[in-house]
Amino acid sequence: MDPVRQLRRVCVFCGSNFGVRREYREAAEQVAKTLAAEGIDLVYGGASVGLMAVVADAALDAGGRVLGVIDRQLATKEIAHEGLTELHITESLSDRKLLMAELSDAFLVLPGGYGTLDELFEMLVWSQLHLHDKPIGLLDVAGYWEHLLRFLDHATNERLVSRPYRDYVLVDDDVASLLGKMRVFIPAPGEKWLDR
């Protein structure tokens, strides 16, 4: 039987806007409540806006611990969440992503925009380069990730992404099921350079 990962802290990447669908807020709340109920700390981008605020507030309301990580420039724009268990302020966005990764055992991605995609793909690149072996999961809320997943399949079929690394992206539309997949994730050995 494969070993089960201990998920003590899960980093949630998500939008600094709410989006148009109520399902996005509901999913953020459900993720937060599930993590809190399972005794898993939430790590996130430290902001008090959009889905980021929803996930943080819902986790706190459910009695969970919330660790925010925000860079100084955003903190000075007064969007840092002041009511967290811990708030870490970094000097740059790169330092912010590095600290979020260091604090976390896994990454769970909710709907979001450019910033969320940047965080997702940075963690995927680090995984591909074997800088970490932490699971990365997309919570597919109302089909939000459908087009991205289709693109990843296209890139894989075009031999610009190696199949083992395509399979590093775990997907589910149910948070409990996604966490289950994360707990048993084993990174397959792969070669980044397909034609070397």
Protein backbone atom coordinates (compact mmCIF):
# COMPACT_ATOMS: atom_id res chain seq x y z
CA MET A 1 0.00 0.00 0.00
CA ASP A 2 1.32 3.43 -0.94
CA PRO A 3 2.21 5.77 1.92
CA VAL A 4 -0.26 8.53 2.71
CA ARG A 5 1.08 12.08 2.85
CA GLN A 6 0.56 14.12 5.96
CA LEU A 7 -1.08 17.39 4.97
CA ARG A 8 -0.41 19.72 7.87
CA ARG A 9 -0.56 22.89 5.79
CA VAL A 10 -2.16 23.42 2.38
CA CYS A 11 -1.45 26.49 0.28
CA VAL A 12 -4.52 27.80 -1.54
CA PHE A 13 -3.99 29.94 -4.63
CA CYS A 14 -7.07 31.90 -5.73
CA GLY A 15 -8.31 35.16 -7.16
CA SER A 16 -8.09 38.61 -5.63
CA ASN A 17 -11.46 39.24 -7.30
CA PHE A 18 -14.72 37.41 -6.63
CA GLY A 19 -15.61 36.47 -10.21
CA VAL A 20 -19.16 36.40 -11.55
CA ARG A 21 -20.32 33.02 -10.23
CA ARG A 22 -21.51 32.46 -6.67
CA GLU A 23 -20.04 28.95 -6.98
CA TYR A 24 -16.54 30.45 -6.71
CA ARG A 25 -17.27 31.94 -3.28
CA GLU A 26 -19.06 28.79 -2.18
CA ALA A 27 -16.08 26.66 -3.21
CA ALA A 28 -13.64 28.94 -1.37
CA GLU A 29 -15.78 28.66 1.76
CA GLN A 30 -16.03 24.87 1.40
CA VAL A 31 -12.26 24.51 0.98
CA ALA A 32 -11.67 26.62 4.09
CA LYS A 33 -14.20 24.72 6.20
CA THR A 34 -12.84 21.35 5.06
CA LEU A 35 -9.26 22.29 5.89
CA ALA A 36 -10.27 23.63 9.31
CA ALA A 37 -12.35 20.53 10.07
CA GLU A 38 -9.40 18.28 9.23
CA GLY A 39 -6.99 20.35 11.32
CA ILE A 40 -5.04 21.51 8.26
CA ASP A 41 -3.59 25.03 8.36
CA LEU A 42 -4.39 27.31 5.45
CA VAL A 43 -1.51 29.12 3.76
CA TYR A 44 -2.50 31.79 1.24
CA GLY A 45 -1.48 35.12 -0.27
CA GLY A 46 -2.38 37.25 2.76
CA ALA A 47 -4.86 39.61 1.12
CA SER A 48 -8.23 40.90 2.34
CA VAL A 49 -9.86 41.09 -1.10
CA GLY A 50 -11.74 38.76 -3.43
CA LEU A 51 -11.74 34.99 -3.08
CA MET A 52 -8.57 35.33 -1.01
CA ALA A 53 -10.57 37.09 1.69
CA VAL A 54 -13.39 34.56 1.43
CA VAL A 55 -11.11 31.56 1.99
CA ALA A 56 -9.23 33.22 4.85
CA ASP A 57 -12.34 34.48 6.65
CA ALA A 58 -14.16 31.17 6.29
CA ALA A 59 -11.19 29.25 7.69
CA LEU A 60 -10.92 31.62 10.65
CA ASP A 61 -14.69 31.44 11.27
CA ALA A 62 -14.40 27.63 11.30
CA GLY A 63 -11.65 27.78 13.93
CA GLY A 64 -8.78 27.11 11.54
CA ARG A 65 -5.28 28.55 11.53
CA VAL A 66 -4.50 30.89 8.62
CA LEU A 67 -0.99 31.90 7.57
CA GLY A 68 -0.87 34.79 5.11
CA VAL A 69 2.14 35.69 2.97
CA ILE A 70 2.12 39.02 1.15
CA ASP A 71 4.83 41.17 -0.37
CA ARG A 72 5.57 44.61 1.00
CA GLN A 73 4.28 46.50 -2.05
CA LEU A 74 0.82 44.92 -1.78
CA ALA A 75 0.82 45.29 1.99
CA THR A 76 1.41 49.04 1.65
CA LYS A 77 -1.63 49.25 -0.64
CA GLU A 78 -3.61 48.30 2.48
CA ILE A 79 -4.92 45.01 1.18
CA ALA A 80 -3.10 42.84 3.76
CA HIS A 81 -5.51 40.90 5.97
CA GLU A 82 -5.05 42.11 9.54
CA GLY A 83 -6.93 39.33 11.34
CA LEU A 84 -4.84 36.25 10.49
CA THR A 85 -3.15 33.76 12.77
CA GLU A 86 0.17 34.80 11.19
CA LEU A 87 1.01 37.38 8.53
CA HIS A 88 4.39 37.23 6.83
CA ILE A 89 5.53 40.22 4.75
CA THR A 90 8.18 39.55 2.11
CA GLU A 91 10.28 41.94 0.05
CA SER A 92 9.16 40.68 -3.36
CA LEU A 93 6.57 38.56 -5.15
CA SER A 94 9.26 35.94 -5.80
CA ASP A 95 10.05 35.75 -2.10
CA ARG A 96 6.31 35.52 -1.40
CA LYS A 97 5.89 32.44 -3.61
CA LEU A 98 9.02 30.85 -2.15
CA LEU A 99 7.81 31.27 1.42
CA MET A 100 4.31 30.02 0.62
CA ALA A 101 5.90 26.92 -0.91
CA GLU A 102 8.23 26.39 2.04
CA LEU A 103 5.35 26.64 4.52
CA SER A 104 3.11 24.18 2.65
CA ASP A 105 2.77 20.44 2.09
CA ALA A 106 0.52 20.79 -0.98
CA PHE A 107 -1.05 23.36 -3.30
CA LEU A 108 -4.78 23.66 -4.00
CA VAL A 109 -5.85 26.04 -6.77
CA LEU A 110 -9.25 27.73 -6.89
CA PRO A 111 -10.46 29.99 -9.73
CA GLY A 112 -8.30 33.04 -10.24
CA GLY A 113 -6.61 35.24 -12.81
CA TYR A 114 -3.05 36.00 -13.86
CA GLY A 115 -1.62 35.88 -10.32
CA THR A 116 -3.19 32.51 -9.62
CA LEU A 117 -1.94 31.14 -12.94
CA ASP A 118 1.54 32.50 -12.20
CA GLU A 119 1.57 30.71 -8.84
CA LEU A 120 0.23 27.48 -10.32
CA PHE A 121 2.75 27.35 -13.14
CA GLU A 122 5.69 28.31 -10.94
CA MET A 123 4.89 25.37 -8.65
CA LEU A 124 4.54 23.09 -11.69
CA VAL A 125 7.91 24.23 -13.07
CA TRP A 126 9.59 23.67 -9.70
CA SER A 127 8.01 20.20 -9.61
CA GLN A 128 9.19 19.44 -13.14
CA LEU A 129 12.73 20.46 -12.15
CA HIS A 130 12.47 18.29 -9.00
CA LEU A 131 12.78 21.27 -6.66
CA HIS A 132 9.80 19.87 -4.73
CA ASP A 133 7.55 16.81 -4.87
CA LYS A 134 4.42 18.36 -3.36
CA PRO A 135 1.01 17.63 -4.90
CA ILE A 136 -0.72 20.32 -6.95
CA GLY A 137 -4.49 20.14 -7.30
CA LEU A 138 -7.03 22.15 -9.27
CA LEU A 139 -10.51 22.39 -7.79
CA ASP A 140 -12.58 22.56 -10.97
CA VAL A 141 -15.43 24.82 -9.86
CA ALA A 142 -18.25 25.09 -12.43
CA GLY A 143 -15.86 23.94 -15.17
CA TYR A 144 -13.51 26.89 -14.59
CA TRP A 145 -10.34 24.93 -15.43
CA GLU A 146 -11.77 23.04 -18.42
CA HIS A 147 -10.04 25.14 -21.09
CA LEU A 148 -6.71 25.15 -19.26
CA LEU A 149 -6.79 21.37 -18.95
CA ARG A 150 -7.56 21.08 -22.64
CA PHE A 151 -4.56 23.28 -23.38
CA LEU A 152 -2.31 21.14 -21.17
CA ASP A 153 -3.46 18.04 -23.05
CA HIS A 154 -2.71 19.85 -26.33
CA ALA A 155 0.78 20.83 -25.15
CA THR A 156 1.39 17.23 -24.11
CA ASN A 157 0.16 15.84 -27.43
CA GLU A 158 2.44 18.31 -29.20
CA ARG A 159 5.39 16.92 -27.17
CA LEU A 160 6.11 20.23 -25.46
CA VAL A 161 5.08 18.83 -22.07
CA SER A 162 6.17 15.37 -20.98
CA ARG A 163 3.29 12.99 -20.09
CA PRO A 164 4.49 12.33 -16.51
CA TYR A 165 4.51 16.07 -15.84
CA ARG A 166 1.04 16.51 -17.33
CA ASP A 167 -0.12 13.98 -14.78
CA TYR A 168 1.28 16.11 -11.95
CA VAL A 169 -1.85 18.27 -12.24
CA LEU A 170 -4.48 16.63 -10.04
CA VAL A 171 -8.08 17.63 -10.74
CA ASP A 172 -11.43 17.15 -9.03
CA ASP A 173 -14.64 19.09 -8.50
CA ASP A 174 -14.96 17.93 -4.87
CA VAL A 175 -12.55 19.24 -2.23
CA ALA A 176 -12.53 16.11 -0.07
CA SER A 177 -11.82 13.94 -3.09
CA LEU A 178 -9.07 16.29 -4.26
CA LEU A 179 -7.39 16.20 -0.85
CA GLY A 180 -7.60 12.41 -1.02
CA LYS A 181 -5.77 12.43 -4.35
CA MET A 182 -3.14 14.76 -2.89
CA ARG A 183 -2.52 12.43 0.05
CA VAL A 184 -1.64 9.48 -2.20
CA PHE A 185 0.16 11.44 -4.94
CA ILE A 186 3.51 9.98 -5.94
CA PRO A 187 5.43 11.97 -8.56
CA ALA A 188 6.28 9.76 -11.49
CA PRO A 189 9.88 9.92 -12.63
CA GLY A 190 10.04 11.88 -15.83
CA GLU A 191 12.46 13.47 -18.21
CA LYS A 192 11.80 17.13 -18.94
CA TRP A 193 13.74 17.04 -22.20
CA LEU A 194 11.84 14.72 -24.54
CA ASP A 195 14.26 14.80 -27.45
CA ARG A 196 17.64 14.89 -25.73
